[in-house]
Amino acid sequence: MSNRLANILLSLGKLDRKIIFAIIGIVVLIPLLKPEWVDIPIKISPDSKKVFTEISSLESNSKVLLSFEYGPSTKPEIHPMSVALLNHLFAKGIKVYIMALWPDGVFMATDALDQVLSSKLFEVKEYTDYVNLGFKQGGEVVIRGIASDIRQLYTKDYKQVPINDIPMMQGVNSVSDFDYVVDLSAGTPGTTEWVQYACDPKKVPFTSGCTSIQVTDVMPYVKSGQVRGILAGMPGAAEYESMVKNELEEMQNKKHPRINSSAIVPTGKATGRMSAQSIAHLVMVLFIILGNISYFIDRRMRNRE
């Protein structure tokens, strides 16, 4: 090894920690602020692929109930799933029925809807393509009620419009009238209650997106087929975003009438966060390697002296 190269490696291995922190901060911020600038391949897990396949298999005008059971504390993990699911459902021409079993879920739902509508990818209308039924207190009691008679629980939607005046609600009386149920869960009530009290007894297809910490609790239902695939935490959200983005771009290329061909399909936030995490890990490993190389070079030079 030349003296010049050895001196360079020694200098890199002895970088001030402030410089190292600054470099890590920059490489983390770039994919977070501009996720489209960083294109790291995402390996799709079988469970995420199962969810995507299930939604893709639904016919146009199918009815899907989307339940929000999370709040701001788990928003980074689950919210990207919500946006990606809404994009996928609207692209398929599916009727979306939104509800919340958590008080914060209403705000998460409206925020996800605002993100999708502001992208201008779809020409969807409230009460024709989607309806927000809002929050109902009661947890599993509400789920049991939806399983038997949804109209006893919901007489008005989130905006206080009578259910009977909403065209989408015609013929919707219980969970059995939905073609699919998707739960976005960060705890209780959530996935377990939907399986036990509604979807499994009524034989309605069901899938879930949940936090990483919940995966071990939900996985037995996935293995038994009671939950059809699962979006597991931020990795699951990034995987689903990737598949939906590819689907939307393909539809745009084919000039599909349900999607605006001039709108930009955004890169999902979970994808950016996973890219930031991957790059940060790579940079830290690189600095560890450089530090060790610098140490051995320095030791060898000292021994020679």
Protein backbone atom coordinates (compact mmCIF):
# COMPACT_ATOMS: atom_id res chain seq x y z
CA MET A 1 0.00 0.00 0.00
CA SER A 2 1.38 3.41 -0.95
CA ASN A 3 2.03 6.02 1.69
CA ARG A 4 -0.45 8.37 0.01
CA LEU A 5 -3.27 5.83 0.17
CA ALA A 6 -2.37 4.94 3.75
CA ASN A 7 -2.50 8.61 4.77
CA ILE A 8 -5.91 9.03 3.08
CA LEU A 9 -7.31 5.98 4.91
CA LEU A 10 -5.83 7.22 8.19
CA SER A 11 -7.51 10.61 7.70
CA LEU A 12 -10.87 9.03 6.88
CA GLY A 13 -10.66 6.79 9.92
CA LYS A 14 -10.02 9.77 12.17
CA LEU A 15 -12.84 12.01 10.96
CA ASP A 16 -14.37 14.19 13.64
CA ARG A 17 -17.63 12.74 14.92
CA LYS A 18 -19.44 15.97 14.03
CA ILE A 19 -18.57 15.43 10.37
CA ILE A 20 -19.77 11.82 10.58
CA PHE A 21 -23.06 12.90 12.16
CA ALA A 22 -23.49 15.56 9.47
CA ILE A 23 -22.91 13.03 6.66
CA ILE A 24 -25.39 10.56 8.16
CA GLY A 25 -27.90 13.37 8.61
CA ILE A 26 -27.60 14.39 4.95
CA VAL A 27 -27.92 10.85 3.56
CA VAL A 28 -31.00 10.29 5.75
CA LEU A 29 -32.67 13.58 4.84
CA ILE A 30 -32.32 13.18 1.07
CA PRO A 31 -34.60 10.10 0.71
CA LEU A 32 -37.00 11.49 3.29
CA LEU A 33 -37.42 14.83 1.52
CA LYS A 34 -36.99 13.58 -2.05
CA PRO A 35 -37.78 9.83 -2.10
CA GLU A 36 -37.99 9.86 -5.90
CA TRP A 37 -34.26 10.66 -6.04
CA VAL A 38 -33.32 7.36 -4.40
CA ASP A 39 -34.34 4.20 -6.21
CA ILE A 40 -33.49 1.24 -3.98
CA PRO A 41 -35.07 -2.06 -5.10
CA ILE A 42 -37.68 -3.38 -2.66
CA LYS A 43 -38.06 -7.13 -2.21
CA ILE A 44 -41.75 -7.99 -1.97
CA SER A 45 -42.72 -10.43 0.80
CA PRO A 46 -45.33 -13.15 0.12
CA ASP A 47 -47.75 -11.61 2.66
CA SER A 48 -47.65 -8.15 1.06
CA LYS A 49 -47.99 -9.72 -2.39
CA LYS A 50 -51.03 -11.64 -1.14
CA VAL A 51 -52.75 -8.42 -0.05
CA PHE A 52 -52.02 -6.78 -3.40
CA THR A 53 -53.31 -9.81 -5.31
CA GLU A 54 -56.49 -9.96 -3.22
CA ILE A 55 -57.33 -6.30 -3.86
CA SER A 56 -56.41 -6.59 -7.53
CA SER A 57 -58.78 -9.53 -7.94
CA LEU A 58 -61.80 -7.46 -6.87
CA GLU A 59 -64.07 -6.34 -9.68
CA SER A 60 -64.98 -2.74 -10.42
CA ASN A 61 -67.80 -1.38 -8.18
CA SER A 62 -67.02 -3.93 -5.46
CA LYS A 63 -67.66 -2.67 -1.93
CA VAL A 64 -64.71 -2.48 0.46
CA LEU A 65 -64.93 -1.47 4.13
CA LEU A 66 -61.75 0.28 5.28
CA SER A 67 -61.45 0.57 9.06
CA PHE A 68 -58.98 2.97 10.73
CA GLU A 69 -57.65 1.96 14.15
CA TYR A 70 -54.49 4.00 14.63
CA GLY A 71 -53.40 7.47 15.65
CA PRO A 72 -50.50 9.93 15.32
CA SER A 73 -48.07 7.77 17.33
CA THR A 74 -48.22 4.96 14.76
CA LYS A 75 -48.84 7.16 11.73
CA PRO A 76 -45.33 6.69 10.24
CA GLU A 77 -45.89 2.94 9.97
CA ILE A 78 -49.56 2.65 9.00
CA HIS A 79 -50.47 5.89 7.23
CA PRO A 80 -48.50 5.07 4.06
CA MET A 81 -50.53 1.82 3.86
CA SER A 82 -53.75 3.84 4.02
CA VAL A 83 -52.71 6.12 1.16
CA ALA A 84 -51.48 3.21 -0.98
CA LEU A 85 -54.65 1.21 -0.34
CA LEU A 86 -56.87 4.15 -1.29
CA ASN A 87 -54.85 4.65 -4.47
CA HIS A 88 -55.20 0.97 -5.32
CA LEU A 89 -58.93 0.84 -4.55
CA PHE A 90 -59.76 3.97 -6.55
CA ALA A 91 -57.63 2.73 -9.46
CA LYS A 92 -59.74 -0.44 -9.48
CA GLY A 93 -62.99 1.54 -9.45
CA ILE A 94 -63.97 0.08 -6.08
CA LYS A 95 -66.47 1.72 -3.72
CA VAL A 96 -64.72 2.64 -0.47
CA TYR A 97 -66.55 2.76 2.87
CA ILE A 98 -64.45 4.37 5.60
CA MET A 99 -65.01 4.04 9.34
CA ALA A 100 -62.97 4.37 12.54
CA LEU A 101 -62.98 2.51 15.84
CA TRP A 102 -60.42 4.91 17.31
CA PRO A 103 -61.18 8.62 17.74
CA ASP A 104 -57.90 9.57 16.03
CA GLY A 105 -58.76 7.24 13.18
CA VAL A 106 -61.18 9.79 11.71
CA PHE A 107 -58.39 12.34 11.34
CA MET A 108 -56.07 9.73 9.87
CA ALA A 109 -58.75 8.76 7.35
CA THR A 110 -59.49 12.33 6.27
CA ASP A 111 -55.78 13.10 5.96
CA ALA A 112 -55.18 9.99 3.81
CA LEU A 113 -58.15 10.92 1.62
CA ASP A 114 -56.87 14.48 1.24
CA GLN A 115 -53.47 13.18 0.11
CA VAL A 116 -55.03 10.92 -2.51
CA LEU A 117 -57.48 13.52 -3.79
CA SER A 118 -54.84 16.26 -3.94
CA SER A 119 -52.67 14.08 -6.20
CA LYS A 120 -55.32 14.54 -8.96
CA LEU A 121 -54.77 10.94 -10.07
CA PHE A 122 -58.46 10.07 -9.94
CA GLU A 123 -61.80 11.72 -10.64
CA VAL A 124 -63.62 10.36 -7.61
CA LYS A 125 -66.65 11.85 -5.89
CA GLU A 126 -67.87 11.65 -2.34
CA TYR A 127 -71.02 9.53 -1.91
CA THR A 128 -70.47 8.03 -5.35
CA ASP A 129 -67.00 6.53 -4.96
CA TYR A 130 -66.36 6.87 -1.24
CA VAL A 131 -68.09 7.68 2.03
CA ASN A 132 -66.67 8.41 5.47
CA LEU A 133 -68.94 7.03 8.19
CA GLY A 134 -66.79 8.47 10.94
CA PHE A 135 -65.98 7.25 14.46
CA LYS A 136 -68.19 5.11 16.67
CA GLN A 137 -67.42 4.49 20.33
CA GLY A 138 -67.68 0.91 21.54
CA GLY A 139 -64.86 -1.15 20.13
CA GLU A 140 -65.86 -4.78 19.60
CA VAL A 141 -69.50 -3.88 20.25
CA VAL A 142 -69.43 -1.73 17.13
CA ILE A 143 -67.89 -4.59 15.16
CA ARG A 144 -70.63 -6.93 16.37
CA GLY A 145 -73.20 -4.32 15.36
CA ILE A 146 -71.73 -3.97 11.87
CA ALA A 147 -71.82 -7.75 11.56
CA SER A 148 -75.60 -7.73 12.13
CA ASP A 149 -77.08 -4.30 11.27
CA ILE A 150 -74.90 -1.37 10.28
CA ARG A 151 -77.86 1.03 10.00
CA GLN A 152 -78.65 0.77 13.70
CA LEU A 153 -75.17 2.10 14.44
CA TYR A 154 -74.76 4.63 11.64
CA THR A 155 -77.73 6.85 10.90
CA LYS A 156 -75.52 9.67 9.58
CA ASP A 157 -72.07 9.88 8.09
CA TYR A 158 -69.07 11.92 9.26
CA LYS A 159 -70.59 15.11 7.78
CA GLN A 160 -74.01 14.43 9.37
CA VAL A 161 -75.61 13.47 6.06
CA PRO A 162 -78.39 10.88 6.66
CA ILE A 163 -77.33 7.39 5.57
CA ASN A 164 -80.58 6.93 3.65
CA ASP A 165 -79.68 9.94 1.48
CA ILE A 166 -76.33 8.46 0.42
CA PRO A 167 -76.54 6.46 -2.85
CA MET A 168 -73.59 4.26 -1.88
CA MET A 169 -75.41 3.02 1.21
CA GLN A 170 -78.31 1.50 -0.71
CA GLY A 171 -78.30 -2.23 -0.12
CA VAL A 172 -75.64 -2.02 2.59
CA ASN A 173 -77.08 -3.38 5.82
CA SER A 174 -74.35 -5.49 7.41
CA VAL A 175 -70.76 -6.64 6.96
CA SER A 176 -72.04 -9.42 4.67
CA ASP A 177 -72.88 -6.78 2.05
CA PHE A 178 -69.21 -5.88 1.65
CA ASP A 179 -67.00 -7.77 -0.77
CA TYR A 180 -63.92 -7.19 1.36
CA VAL A 181 -62.86 -5.69 4.70
CA VAL A 182 -59.46 -4.10 5.34
CA ASP A 183 -58.35 -3.15 8.83
CA LEU A 184 -55.53 -0.70 9.58
CA SER A 185 -54.67 -1.54 13.13
CA ALA A 186 -52.29 -0.34 15.84
CA GLY A 187 -53.90 -2.17 18.77
CA THR A 188 -57.24 -2.97 20.35
CA PRO A 189 -59.90 -2.89 18.99
CA GLY A 190 -58.38 -4.02 15.74
CA THR A 191 -57.51 -7.04 13.66
CA THR A 192 -58.32 -9.72 16.24
CA GLU A 193 -61.77 -8.33 16.94
CA TRP A 194 -62.61 -8.05 13.22
CA VAL A 195 -61.68 -11.69 12.72
CA GLN A 196 -63.52 -13.01 15.77
CA TYR A 197 -66.74 -11.00 15.70
CA ALA A 198 -67.41 -10.10 12.07
CA CYS A 199 -65.40 -11.36 9.11
CA ASP A 200 -64.76 -14.96 10.11
CA PRO A 201 -68.33 -15.71 11.32
CA LYS A 202 -69.86 -14.00 8.26
CA LYS A 203 -67.28 -15.44 5.83
CA VAL A 204 -66.27 -12.02 4.49
CA PRO A 205 -62.72 -11.83 3.03
CA PHE A 206 -60.48 -9.85 5.35
CA THR A 207 -56.93 -8.50 5.42
CA SER A 208 -54.96 -6.25 7.72
CA GLY A 209 -52.21 -3.67 7.84
CA CYS A 210 -50.62 -3.35 11.28
CA THR A 211 -47.59 -2.17 13.20
CA SER A 212 -44.50 -4.38 13.28
CA ILE A 213 -45.03 -5.13 16.97
CA GLN A 214 -48.45 -6.61 16.22
CA VAL A 215 -47.29 -9.02 13.55
CA THR A 216 -46.68 -11.93 15.94
CA ASP A 217 -50.24 -11.60 17.28
CA VAL A 218 -51.83 -11.47 13.83
CA MET A 219 -49.68 -14.08 12.07
CA PRO A 220 -51.61 -17.12 13.43
CA TYR A 221 -54.74 -15.74 11.72
CA VAL A 222 -52.73 -15.29 8.52
CA LYS A 223 -51.47 -18.88 8.64
CA SER A 224 -55.00 -20.18 9.21
CA GLY A 225 -56.34 -18.18 6.26
CA GLN A 226 -58.66 -16.05 8.40
CA VAL A 227 -56.55 -13.02 7.45
CA ARG A 228 -55.58 -13.00 3.79
CA GLY A 229 -52.05 -11.68 3.83
CA ILE A 230 -50.76 -8.85 5.97
CA LEU A 231 -48.97 -5.53 5.54
CA ALA A 232 -46.42 -5.73 8.33
CA GLY A 233 -45.19 -2.39 9.60
CA MET A 234 -43.14 0.06 7.53
CA PRO A 235 -41.49 -2.64 5.37
CA GLY A 236 -44.95 -3.93 4.42
CA ALA A 237 -46.10 -0.39 3.66
CA ALA A 238 -43.08 0.23 1.41
CA GLU A 239 -43.65 -3.06 -0.41
CA TYR A 240 -47.29 -2.24 -1.03
CA GLU A 241 -46.44 1.30 -2.15
CA SER A 242 -43.97 -0.11 -4.66
CA MET A 243 -46.51 -2.53 -6.16
CA VAL A 244 -49.25 0.11 -6.32
CA LYS A 245 -46.90 2.67 -7.90
CA ASN A 246 -45.95 0.19 -10.62
CA GLU A 247 -49.63 -0.60 -11.20
CA LEU A 248 -50.62 3.07 -11.50
CA GLU A 249 -47.75 3.88 -13.85
CA GLU A 250 -48.69 0.93 -16.04
CA MET A 251 -52.29 2.15 -16.14
CA GLN A 252 -51.09 5.62 -17.13
CA ASN A 253 -48.97 4.18 -19.94
CA LYS A 254 -52.05 2.36 -21.23
CA LYS A 255 -54.15 5.56 -20.98
CA HIS A 256 -56.64 3.92 -18.63
CA PRO A 257 -59.74 6.11 -18.23
CA ARG A 258 -59.82 5.75 -14.43
CA ILE A 259 -56.47 7.46 -13.93
CA ASN A 260 -55.24 10.89 -14.98
CA SER A 261 -52.35 10.25 -17.37
CA SER A 262 -50.90 13.74 -16.82
CA ALA A 263 -50.70 13.44 -13.02
CA ILE A 264 -47.50 12.33 -11.32
CA VAL A 265 -47.61 9.07 -9.39
CA PRO A 266 -45.84 10.03 -6.15
CA THR A 267 -43.24 7.87 -4.44
CA GLY A 268 -44.68 6.74 -1.10
CA LYS A 269 -43.37 7.98 2.22
CA ALA A 270 -42.68 4.49 3.56
CA THR A 271 -40.47 3.85 0.53
CA GLY A 272 -38.46 6.98 1.34
CA ARG A 273 -38.19 6.03 5.00
CA MET A 274 -36.98 2.52 4.19
CA SER A 275 -34.46 3.98 1.73
CA ALA A 276 -33.23 6.39 4.42
CA GLN A 277 -32.85 3.52 6.85
CA SER A 278 -30.97 1.36 4.34
CA ILE A 279 -28.60 4.15 3.30
CA ALA A 280 -27.93 5.15 6.92
CA HIS A 281 -27.04 1.54 7.78
CA LEU A 282 -24.76 1.34 4.73
CA VAL A 283 -22.94 4.57 5.63
CA MET A 284 -22.49 3.49 9.25
CA VAL A 285 -21.04 0.12 8.17
CA LEU A 286 -18.72 1.97 5.78
CA PHE A 287 -17.44 4.21 8.58
CA ILE A 288 -16.92 1.16 10.82
CA ILE A 289 -14.87 -0.51 8.08
CA LEU A 290 -12.84 2.66 7.50
CA GLY A 291 -12.26 3.01 11.22
CA ASN A 292 -10.93 -0.54 11.49
CA ILE A 293 -8.71 -0.14 8.42
CA SER A 294 -7.34 3.10 9.84
CA TYR A 295 -6.66 1.41 13.20
CA PHE A 296 -4.68 -1.46 11.64
CA ILE A 297 -2.69 0.89 9.40
CA ASP A 298 -1.88 3.11 12.37
CA ARG A 299 -0.82 0.10 14.47
CA ARG A 300 1.40 -1.26 11.70
CA MET A 301 3.08 2.14 11.26
CA ARG A 302 3.70 2.37 15.00
CA ASN A 303 5.24 -1.13 15.07
CA ARG A 304 7.63 -0.16 12.29
CA GLU A 305 8.81 2.81 14.30
